[in-house]
Amino acid sequence: PKTIAVACWGTADWRAISGDNPEN
């Protein structure tokens, strides 16, 4: 058992956090 929190990120935040590139 491990206390965990799940963050659901909005589009602009997710791009900044994940470094996601739509062309990948």
mmCIF file of all heavy atoms, coordinates in Angstrom:
data_MODEL
# 
_entry.id   MODEL 
# 
loop_
_atom_site.group_PDB 
_atom_site.id 
_atom_site.type_symbol 
_atom_site.label_atom_id 
_atom_site.label_alt_id 
_atom_site.label_comp_id 
_atom_site.label_asym_id 
_atom_site.label_entity_id 
_atom_site.label_seq_id 
_atom_site.pdbx_PDB_ins_code 
_atom_site.Cartn_x 
_atom_site.Cartn_y 
_atom_site.Cartn_z 
_atom_site.occupancy 
_atom_site.B_iso_or_equiv 
_atom_site.pdbx_formal_charge 
_atom_site.auth_seq_id 
_atom_site.auth_comp_id 
_atom_site.auth_asym_id 
_atom_site.auth_atom_id 
_atom_site.pdbx_PDB_model_num 
ATOM 1   N N   . PRO A 1 1  ? 0.822  -1.219 0.000   1.00 0.00 ? 1  PRO A N   1 
ATOM 2   C CA  . PRO A 1 1  ? 0.000  0.000  0.000   1.00 0.00 ? 1  PRO A CA  1 
ATOM 3   C C   . PRO A 1 1  ? 0.851  1.262  0.000   1.00 0.00 ? 1  PRO A C   1 
ATOM 4   O O   . PRO A 1 1  ? 1.788  1.400  0.793   1.00 0.00 ? 1  PRO A O   1 
ATOM 5   C CB  . PRO A 1 1  ? -0.827 -0.122 1.281   1.00 0.00 ? 1  PRO A CB  1 
ATOM 6   C CG  . PRO A 1 1  ? -0.126 -1.137 2.108   1.00 0.00 ? 1  PRO A CG  1 
ATOM 7   C CD  . PRO A 1 1  ? 0.564  -2.064 1.176   1.00 0.00 ? 1  PRO A CD  1 
ATOM 8   N N   . LYS A 1 2  ? 0.513  2.165  -0.895  1.00 0.00 ? 2  LYS A N   1 
ATOM 9   C CA  . LYS A 1 2  ? 1.261  3.421  -1.022  1.00 0.00 ? 2  LYS A CA  1 
ATOM 10  C C   . LYS A 1 2  ? 0.286  4.536  -1.345  1.00 0.00 ? 2  LYS A C   1 
ATOM 11  O O   . LYS A 1 2  ? -0.456 4.461  -2.333  1.00 0.00 ? 2  LYS A O   1 
ATOM 12  C CB  . LYS A 1 2  ? 2.315  3.312  -2.119  1.00 0.00 ? 2  LYS A CB  1 
ATOM 13  C CG  . LYS A 1 2  ? 3.141  4.581  -2.293  1.00 0.00 ? 2  LYS A CG  1 
ATOM 14  C CD  . LYS A 1 2  ? 4.248  4.382  -3.310  1.00 0.00 ? 2  LYS A CD  1 
ATOM 15  C CE  . LYS A 1 2  ? 5.112  5.636  -3.429  1.00 0.00 ? 2  LYS A CE  1 
ATOM 16  N NZ  . LYS A 1 2  ? 6.249  5.446  -4.345  1.00 0.00 ? 2  LYS A NZ  1 
ATOM 17  N N   . THR A 1 3  ? 0.285  5.576  -0.497  1.00 0.00 ? 3  THR A N   1 
ATOM 18  C CA  . THR A 1 3  ? -0.569 6.736  -0.765  1.00 0.00 ? 3  THR A CA  1 
ATOM 19  C C   . THR A 1 3  ? -0.092 7.401  -2.046  1.00 0.00 ? 3  THR A C   1 
ATOM 20  O O   . THR A 1 3  ? 1.101  7.666  -2.209  1.00 0.00 ? 3  THR A O   1 
ATOM 21  C CB  . THR A 1 3  ? -0.506 7.735  0.397   1.00 0.00 ? 3  THR A CB  1 
ATOM 22  O OG1 . THR A 1 3  ? -0.913 7.069  1.595   1.00 0.00 ? 3  THR A OG1 1 
ATOM 23  C CG2 . THR A 1 3  ? -1.428 8.915  0.149   1.00 0.00 ? 3  THR A CG2 1 
ATOM 24  N N   . ILE A 1 4  ? -1.023 7.661  -2.931  1.00 0.00 ? 4  ILE A N   1 
ATOM 25  C CA  . ILE A 1 4  ? -0.661 8.203  -4.244  1.00 0.00 ? 4  ILE A CA  1 
ATOM 26  C C   . ILE A 1 4  ? -1.673 9.264  -4.648  1.00 0.00 ? 4  ILE A C   1 
ATOM 27  O O   . ILE A 1 4  ? -2.834 9.203  -4.267  1.00 0.00 ? 4  ILE A O   1 
ATOM 28  C CB  . ILE A 1 4  ? -0.586 7.076  -5.307  1.00 0.00 ? 4  ILE A CB  1 
ATOM 29  C CG1 . ILE A 1 4  ? 0.387  7.442  -6.429  1.00 0.00 ? 4  ILE A CG1 1 
ATOM 30  C CG2 . ILE A 1 4  ? -1.961 6.741  -5.848  1.00 0.00 ? 4  ILE A CG2 1 
ATOM 31  C CD1 . ILE A 1 4  ? 1.830  7.334  -6.023  1.00 0.00 ? 4  ILE A CD1 1 
ATOM 32  N N   . ALA A 1 5  ? -1.216 10.246 -5.385  1.00 0.00 ? 5  ALA A N   1 
ATOM 33  C CA  . ALA A 1 5  ? -2.097 11.279 -5.942  1.00 0.00 ? 5  ALA A CA  1 
ATOM 34  C C   . ALA A 1 5  ? -1.893 11.302 -7.447  1.00 0.00 ? 5  ALA A C   1 
ATOM 35  O O   . ALA A 1 5  ? -0.758 11.178 -7.931  1.00 0.00 ? 5  ALA A O   1 
ATOM 36  C CB  . ALA A 1 5  ? -1.778 12.642 -5.344  1.00 0.00 ? 5  ALA A CB  1 
ATOM 37  N N   . VAL A 1 6  ? -2.977 11.450 -8.160  1.00 0.00 ? 6  VAL A N   1 
ATOM 38  C CA  . VAL A 1 6  ? -2.925 11.457 -9.627  1.00 0.00 ? 6  VAL A CA  1 
ATOM 39  C C   . VAL A 1 6  ? -3.211 12.868 -10.123 1.00 0.00 ? 6  VAL A C   1 
ATOM 40  O O   . VAL A 1 6  ? -4.270 13.434 -9.830  1.00 0.00 ? 6  VAL A O   1 
ATOM 41  C CB  . VAL A 1 6  ? -3.940 10.466 -10.226 1.00 0.00 ? 6  VAL A CB  1 
ATOM 42  C CG1 . VAL A 1 6  ? -3.927 10.560 -11.751 1.00 0.00 ? 6  VAL A CG1 1 
ATOM 43  C CG2 . VAL A 1 6  ? -3.615 9.046  -9.777  1.00 0.00 ? 6  VAL A CG2 1 
ATOM 44  N N   . ALA A 1 7  ? -2.271 13.431 -10.863 1.00 0.00 ? 7  ALA A N   1 
ATOM 45  C CA  . ALA A 1 7  ? -2.457 14.750 -11.471 1.00 0.00 ? 7  ALA A CA  1 
ATOM 46  C C   . ALA A 1 7  ? -2.934 14.576 -12.899 1.00 0.00 ? 7  ALA A C   1 
ATOM 47  O O   . ALA A 1 7  ? -2.281 13.900 -13.703 1.00 0.00 ? 7  ALA A O   1 
ATOM 48  C CB  . ALA A 1 7  ? -1.151 15.536 -11.446 1.00 0.00 ? 7  ALA A CB  1 
ATOM 49  N N   . CYS A 1 8  ? -4.091 15.155 -13.204 1.00 0.00 ? 8  CYS A N   1 
ATOM 50  C CA  . CYS A 1 8  ? -4.585 15.225 -14.586 1.00 0.00 ? 8  CYS A CA  1 
ATOM 51  C C   . CYS A 1 8  ? -4.285 16.637 -15.084 1.00 0.00 ? 8  CYS A C   1 
ATOM 52  O O   . CYS A 1 8  ? -4.842 17.613 -14.573 1.00 0.00 ? 8  CYS A O   1 
ATOM 53  C CB  . CYS A 1 8  ? -6.096 14.953 -14.631 1.00 0.00 ? 8  CYS A CB  1 
ATOM 54  S SG  . CYS A 1 8  ? -6.514 13.203 -14.690 1.00 0.00 ? 8  CYS A SG  1 
ATOM 55  N N   . TRP A 1 9  ? -3.403 16.750 -16.072 1.00 0.00 ? 9  TRP A N   1 
ATOM 56  C CA  . TRP A 1 9  ? -2.938 18.053 -16.522 1.00 0.00 ? 9  TRP A CA  1 
ATOM 57  C C   . TRP A 1 9  ? -3.702 18.534 -17.745 1.00 0.00 ? 9  TRP A C   1 
ATOM 58  O O   . TRP A 1 9  ? -4.043 17.741 -18.632 1.00 0.00 ? 9  TRP A O   1 
ATOM 59  C CB  . TRP A 1 9  ? -1.453 18.000 -16.854 1.00 0.00 ? 9  TRP A CB  1 
ATOM 60  C CG  . TRP A 1 9  ? -0.576 17.732 -15.664 1.00 0.00 ? 9  TRP A CG  1 
ATOM 61  C CD1 . TRP A 1 9  ? -0.059 16.527 -15.279 1.00 0.00 ? 9  TRP A CD1 1 
ATOM 62  C CD2 . TRP A 1 9  ? -0.145 18.686 -14.691 1.00 0.00 ? 9  TRP A CD2 1 
ATOM 63  N NE1 . TRP A 1 9  ? 0.677  16.672 -14.127 1.00 0.00 ? 9  TRP A NE1 1 
ATOM 64  C CE2 . TRP A 1 9  ? 0.653  17.988 -13.746 1.00 0.00 ? 9  TRP A CE2 1 
ATOM 65  C CE3 . TRP A 1 9  ? -0.340 20.055 -14.526 1.00 0.00 ? 9  TRP A CE3 1 
ATOM 66  C CZ2 . TRP A 1 9  ? 1.235  18.614 -12.658 1.00 0.00 ? 9  TRP A CZ2 1 
ATOM 67  C CZ3 . TRP A 1 9  ? 0.253  20.684 -13.444 1.00 0.00 ? 9  TRP A CZ3 1 
ATOM 68  C CH2 . TRP A 1 9  ? 1.033  19.976 -12.523 1.00 0.00 ? 9  TRP A CH2 1 
ATOM 69  N N   . GLY A 1 10 ? -3.956 19.851 -17.783 1.00 0.00 ? 10 GLY A N   1 
ATOM 70  C CA  . GLY A 1 10 ? -4.537 20.469 -18.970 1.00 0.00 ? 10 GLY A CA  1 
ATOM 71  C C   . GLY A 1 10 ? -3.520 20.489 -20.103 1.00 0.00 ? 10 GLY A C   1 
ATOM 72  O O   . GLY A 1 10 ? -2.317 20.249 -19.910 1.00 0.00 ? 10 GLY A O   1 
ATOM 73  N N   . THR A 1 11 ? -3.990 20.806 -21.310 1.00 0.00 ? 11 THR A N   1 
ATOM 74  C CA  . THR A 1 11 ? -3.146 20.701 -22.506 1.00 0.00 ? 11 THR A CA  1 
ATOM 75  C C   . THR A 1 11 ? -1.891 21.556 -22.416 1.00 0.00 ? 11 THR A C   1 
ATOM 76  O O   . THR A 1 11 ? -0.773 21.081 -22.662 1.00 0.00 ? 11 THR A O   1 
ATOM 77  C CB  . THR A 1 11 ? -3.963 21.080 -23.748 1.00 0.00 ? 11 THR A CB  1 
ATOM 78  O OG1 . THR A 1 11 ? -5.087 20.201 -23.862 1.00 0.00 ? 11 THR A OG1 1 
ATOM 79  C CG2 . THR A 1 11 ? -3.118 20.960 -25.007 1.00 0.00 ? 11 THR A CG2 1 
ATOM 80  N N   . ALA A 1 12 ? -2.046 22.847 -22.066 1.00 0.00 ? 12 ALA A N   1 
ATOM 81  C CA  . ALA A 1 12 ? -0.882 23.739 -22.030 1.00 0.00 ? 12 ALA A CA  1 
ATOM 82  C C   . ALA A 1 12 ? 0.109  23.290 -20.960 1.00 0.00 ? 12 ALA A C   1 
ATOM 83  O O   . ALA A 1 12 ? 1.322  23.252 -21.201 1.00 0.00 ? 12 ALA A O   1 
ATOM 84  C CB  . ALA A 1 12 ? -1.330 25.172 -21.771 1.00 0.00 ? 12 ALA A CB  1 
ATOM 85  N N   . ASP A 1 13 ? -0.395 22.918 -19.801 1.00 0.00 ? 13 ASP A N   1 
ATOM 86  C CA  . ASP A 1 13 ? 0.483  22.457 -18.730 1.00 0.00 ? 13 ASP A CA  1 
ATOM 87  C C   . ASP A 1 13 ? 1.211  21.180 -19.143 1.00 0.00 ? 13 ASP A C   1 
ATOM 88  O O   . ASP A 1 13 ? 2.402  21.004 -18.875 1.00 0.00 ? 13 ASP A O   1 
ATOM 89  C CB  . ASP A 1 13 ? -0.316 22.199 -17.454 1.00 0.00 ? 13 ASP A CB  1 
ATOM 90  C CG  . ASP A 1 13 ? -0.707 23.483 -16.741 1.00 0.00 ? 13 ASP A CG  1 
ATOM 91  O OD1 . ASP A 1 13 ? -0.084 24.522 -17.006 1.00 0.00 ? 13 ASP A OD1 1 
ATOM 92  O OD2 . ASP A 1 13 ? -1.649 23.440 -15.932 1.00 0.00 ? 13 ASP A OD2 1 
ATOM 93  N N   . TRP A 1 14 ? 0.485  20.268 -19.800 1.00 0.00 ? 14 TRP A N   1 
ATOM 94  C CA  . TRP A 1 14 ? 1.086  18.975 -20.158 1.00 0.00 ? 14 TRP A CA  1 
ATOM 95  C C   . TRP A 1 14 ? 2.233  19.144 -21.151 1.00 0.00 ? 14 TRP A C   1 
ATOM 96  O O   . TRP A 1 14 ? 3.265  18.487 -21.038 1.00 0.00 ? 14 TRP A O   1 
ATOM 97  C CB  . TRP A 1 14 ? 0.027  18.041 -20.715 1.00 0.00 ? 14 TRP A CB  1 
ATOM 98  C CG  . TRP A 1 14 ? 0.553  16.666 -20.998 1.00 0.00 ? 14 TRP A CG  1 
ATOM 99  C CD1 . TRP A 1 14 ? 0.723  16.077 -22.205 1.00 0.00 ? 14 TRP A CD1 1 
ATOM 100 C CD2 . TRP A 1 14 ? 0.984  15.707 -20.022 1.00 0.00 ? 14 TRP A CD2 1 
ATOM 101 N NE1 . TRP A 1 14 ? 1.239  14.818 -22.061 1.00 0.00 ? 14 TRP A NE1 1 
ATOM 102 C CE2 . TRP A 1 14 ? 1.406  14.564 -20.719 1.00 0.00 ? 14 TRP A CE2 1 
ATOM 103 C CE3 . TRP A 1 14 ? 1.060  15.717 -18.629 1.00 0.00 ? 14 TRP A CE3 1 
ATOM 104 C CZ2 . TRP A 1 14 ? 1.888  13.425 -20.075 1.00 0.00 ? 14 TRP A CZ2 1 
ATOM 105 C CZ3 . TRP A 1 14 ? 1.542  14.586 -17.989 1.00 0.00 ? 14 TRP A CZ3 1 
ATOM 106 C CH2 . TRP A 1 14 ? 1.960  13.460 -18.704 1.00 0.00 ? 14 TRP A CH2 1 
ATOM 107 N N   . ARG A 1 15 ? 2.060  20.030 -22.109 1.00 0.00 ? 15 ARG A N   1 
ATOM 108 C CA  . ARG A 1 15 ? 3.138  20.262 -23.059 1.00 0.00 ? 15 ARG A CA  1 
ATOM 109 C C   . ARG A 1 15 ? 4.384  20.779 -22.366 1.00 0.00 ? 15 ARG A C   1 
ATOM 110 O O   . ARG A 1 15 ? 5.510  20.402 -22.698 1.00 0.00 ? 15 ARG A O   1 
ATOM 111 C CB  . ARG A 1 15 ? 2.686  21.242 -24.137 1.00 0.00 ? 15 ARG A CB  1 
ATOM 112 C CG  . ARG A 1 15 ? 1.723  20.629 -25.154 1.00 0.00 ? 15 ARG A CG  1 
ATOM 113 C CD  . ARG A 1 15 ? 1.217  21.652 -26.119 1.00 0.00 ? 15 ARG A CD  1 
ATOM 114 N NE  . ARG A 1 15 ? 0.287  21.070 -27.076 1.00 0.00 ? 15 ARG A NE  1 
ATOM 115 C CZ  . ARG A 1 15 ? -0.564 21.751 -27.803 1.00 0.00 ? 15 ARG A CZ  1 
ATOM 116 N NH1 . ARG A 1 15 ? -0.626 23.073 -27.682 1.00 0.00 ? 15 ARG A NH1 1 
ATOM 117 N NH2 . ARG A 1 15 ? -1.373 21.137 -28.651 1.00 0.00 ? 15 ARG A NH2 1 
ATOM 118 N N   . ALA A 1 16 ? 4.190  21.655 -21.377 1.00 0.00 ? 16 ALA A N   1 
ATOM 119 C CA  . ALA A 1 16 ? 5.333  22.211 -20.661 1.00 0.00 ? 16 ALA A CA  1 
ATOM 120 C C   . ALA A 1 16 ? 5.979  21.162 -19.752 1.00 0.00 ? 16 ALA A C   1 
ATOM 121 O O   . ALA A 1 16 ? 7.204  21.132 -19.611 1.00 0.00 ? 16 ALA A O   1 
ATOM 122 C CB  . ALA A 1 16 ? 4.884  23.406 -19.828 1.00 0.00 ? 16 ALA A CB  1 
ATOM 123 N N   . ILE A 1 17 ? 5.165  20.294 -19.152 1.00 0.00 ? 17 ILE A N   1 
ATOM 124 C CA  . ILE A 1 17 ? 5.672  19.324 -18.184 1.00 0.00 ? 17 ILE A CA  1 
ATOM 125 C C   . ILE A 1 17 ? 6.315  18.122 -18.862 1.00 0.00 ? 17 ILE A C   1 
ATOM 126 O O   . ILE A 1 17 ? 7.389  17.657 -18.473 1.00 0.00 ? 17 ILE A O   1 
ATOM 127 C CB  . ILE A 1 17 ? 4.529  18.866 -17.257 1.00 0.00 ? 17 ILE A CB  1 
ATOM 128 C CG1 . ILE A 1 17 ? 4.132  20.002 -16.322 1.00 0.00 ? 17 ILE A CG1 1 
ATOM 129 C CG2 . ILE A 1 17 ? 4.922  17.637 -16.449 1.00 0.00 ? 17 ILE A CG2 1 
ATOM 130 C CD1 . ILE A 1 17 ? 2.860  19.752 -15.571 1.00 0.00 ? 17 ILE A CD1 1 
ATOM 131 N N   . SER A 1 18 ? 5.677  17.598 -19.894 1.00 0.00 ? 18 SER A N   1 
ATOM 132 C CA  . SER A 1 18 ? 6.130  16.354 -20.500 1.00 0.00 ? 18 SER A CA  1 
ATOM 133 C C   . SER A 1 18 ? 7.157  16.546 -21.613 1.00 0.00 ? 18 SER A C   1 
ATOM 134 O O   . SER A 1 18 ? 7.839  15.602 -22.005 1.00 0.00 ? 18 SER A O   1 
ATOM 135 C CB  . SER A 1 18 ? 4.934  15.585 -21.068 1.00 0.00 ? 18 SER A CB  1 
ATOM 136 O OG  . SER A 1 18 ? 4.408  16.276 -22.202 1.00 0.00 ? 18 SER A OG  1 
ATOM 137 N N   . GLY A 1 19 ? 7.237  17.777 -22.137 1.00 0.00 ? 19 GLY A N   1 
ATOM 138 C CA  . GLY A 1 19 ? 8.107  17.978 -23.289 1.00 0.00 ? 19 GLY A CA  1 
ATOM 139 C C   . GLY A 1 19 ? 7.569  17.298 -24.520 1.00 0.00 ? 19 GLY A C   1 
ATOM 140 O O   . GLY A 1 19 ? 8.303  17.002 -25.475 1.00 0.00 ? 19 GLY A O   1 
ATOM 141 N N   . ASP A 1 20 ? 6.279  17.037 -24.528 1.00 0.00 ? 20 ASP A N   1 
ATOM 142 C CA  . ASP A 1 20 ? 5.662  16.311 -25.635 1.00 0.00 ? 20 ASP A CA  1 
ATOM 143 C C   . ASP A 1 20 ? 5.709  17.136 -26.907 1.00 0.00 ? 20 ASP A C   1 
ATOM 144 O O   . ASP A 1 20 ? 5.410  18.321 -26.913 1.00 0.00 ? 20 ASP A O   1 
ATOM 145 C CB  . ASP A 1 20 ? 4.203  15.978 -25.269 1.00 0.00 ? 20 ASP A CB  1 
ATOM 146 C CG  . ASP A 1 20 ? 3.594  14.946 -26.198 1.00 0.00 ? 20 ASP A CG  1 
ATOM 147 O OD1 . ASP A 1 20 ? 4.357  14.347 -26.966 1.00 0.00 ? 20 ASP A OD1 1 
ATOM 148 O OD2 . ASP A 1 20 ? 2.378  14.734 -26.119 1.00 0.00 ? 20 ASP A OD2 1 
ATOM 149 N N   . ASN A 1 21 ? 6.081  16.488 -27.980 1.00 0.00 ? 21 ASN A N   1 
ATOM 150 C CA  . ASN A 1 21 ? 6.118  17.122 -29.298 1.00 0.00 ? 21 ASN A CA  1 
ATOM 151 C C   . ASN A 1 21 ? 5.063  16.458 -30.172 1.00 0.00 ? 21 ASN A C   1 
ATOM 152 O O   . ASN A 1 21 ? 5.157  15.249 -30.422 1.00 0.00 ? 21 ASN A O   1 
ATOM 153 C CB  . ASN A 1 21 ? 7.508  16.973 -29.920 1.00 0.00 ? 21 ASN A CB  1 
ATOM 154 C CG  . ASN A 1 21 ? 7.635  17.709 -31.241 1.00 0.00 ? 21 ASN A CG  1 
ATOM 155 O OD1 . ASN A 1 21 ? 6.633  18.062 -31.865 1.00 0.00 ? 21 ASN A OD1 1 
ATOM 156 N ND2 . ASN A 1 21 ? 8.856  17.923 -31.677 1.00 0.00 ? 21 ASN A ND2 1 
ATOM 157 N N   . PRO A 1 22 ? 4.058  17.185 -30.656 1.00 0.00 ? 22 PRO A N   1 
ATOM 158 C CA  . PRO A 1 22 ? 2.995  16.571 -31.448 1.00 0.00 ? 22 PRO A CA  1 
ATOM 159 C C   . PRO A 1 22 ? 3.505  15.871 -32.701 1.00 0.00 ? 22 PRO A C   1 
ATOM 160 O O   . PRO A 1 22 ? 2.828  15.009 -33.263 1.00 0.00 ? 22 PRO A O   1 
ATOM 161 C CB  . PRO A 1 22 ? 2.107  17.769 -31.814 1.00 0.00 ? 22 PRO A CB  1 
ATOM 162 C CG  . PRO A 1 22 ? 2.396  18.786 -30.777 1.00 0.00 ? 22 PRO A CG  1 
ATOM 163 C CD  . PRO A 1 22 ? 3.844  18.608 -30.429 1.00 0.00 ? 22 PRO A CD  1 
ATOM 164 N N   . GLU A 1 23 ? 4.720  16.193 -33.158 1.00 0.00 ? 23 GLU A N   1 
ATOM 165 C CA  . GLU A 1 23 ? 5.254  15.556 -34.366 1.00 0.00 ? 23 GLU A CA  1 
ATOM 166 C C   . GLU A 1 23 ? 5.916  14.211 -34.065 1.00 0.00 ? 23 GLU A C   1 
ATOM 167 O O   . GLU A 1 23 ? 6.239  13.453 -34.970 1.00 0.00 ? 23 GLU A O   1 
ATOM 168 C CB  . GLU A 1 23 ? 6.274  16.498 -35.021 1.00 0.00 ? 23 GLU A CB  1 
ATOM 169 C CG  . GLU A 1 23 ? 5.644  17.783 -35.540 1.00 0.00 ? 23 GLU A CG  1 
ATOM 170 C CD  . GLU A 1 23 ? 6.659  18.699 -36.177 1.00 0.00 ? 23 GLU A CD  1 
ATOM 171 O OE1 . GLU A 1 23 ? 7.856  18.361 -36.197 1.00 0.00 ? 23 GLU A OE1 1 
ATOM 172 O OE2 . GLU A 1 23 ? 6.242  19.755 -36.663 1.00 0.00 ? 23 GLU A OE2 1 
ATOM 173 N N   . ASN A 1 24 ? 6.140  13.931 -32.764 1.00 0.00 ? 24 ASN A N   1 
ATOM 174 C CA  . ASN A 1 24 ? 6.728  12.642 -32.415 1.00 0.00 ? 24 ASN A CA  1 
ATOM 175 C C   . ASN A 1 24 ? 5.742  11.516 -32.720 1.00 0.00 ? 24 ASN A C   1 
ATOM 176 O O   . ASN A 1 24 ? 4.527  11.666 -32.550 1.00 0.00 ? 24 ASN A O   1 
ATOM 177 C CB  . ASN A 1 24 ? 7.089  12.594 -30.924 1.00 0.00 ? 24 ASN A CB  1 
ATOM 178 C CG  . ASN A 1 24 ? 8.297  13.467 -30.616 1.00 0.00 ? 24 ASN A CG  1 
ATOM 179 O OD1 . ASN A 1 24 ? 9.029  13.865 -31.518 1.00 0.00 ? 24 ASN A OD1 1 
ATOM 180 N ND2 . ASN A 1 24 ? 8.487  13.760 -29.338 1.00 0.00 ? 24 ASN A ND2 1 
# 
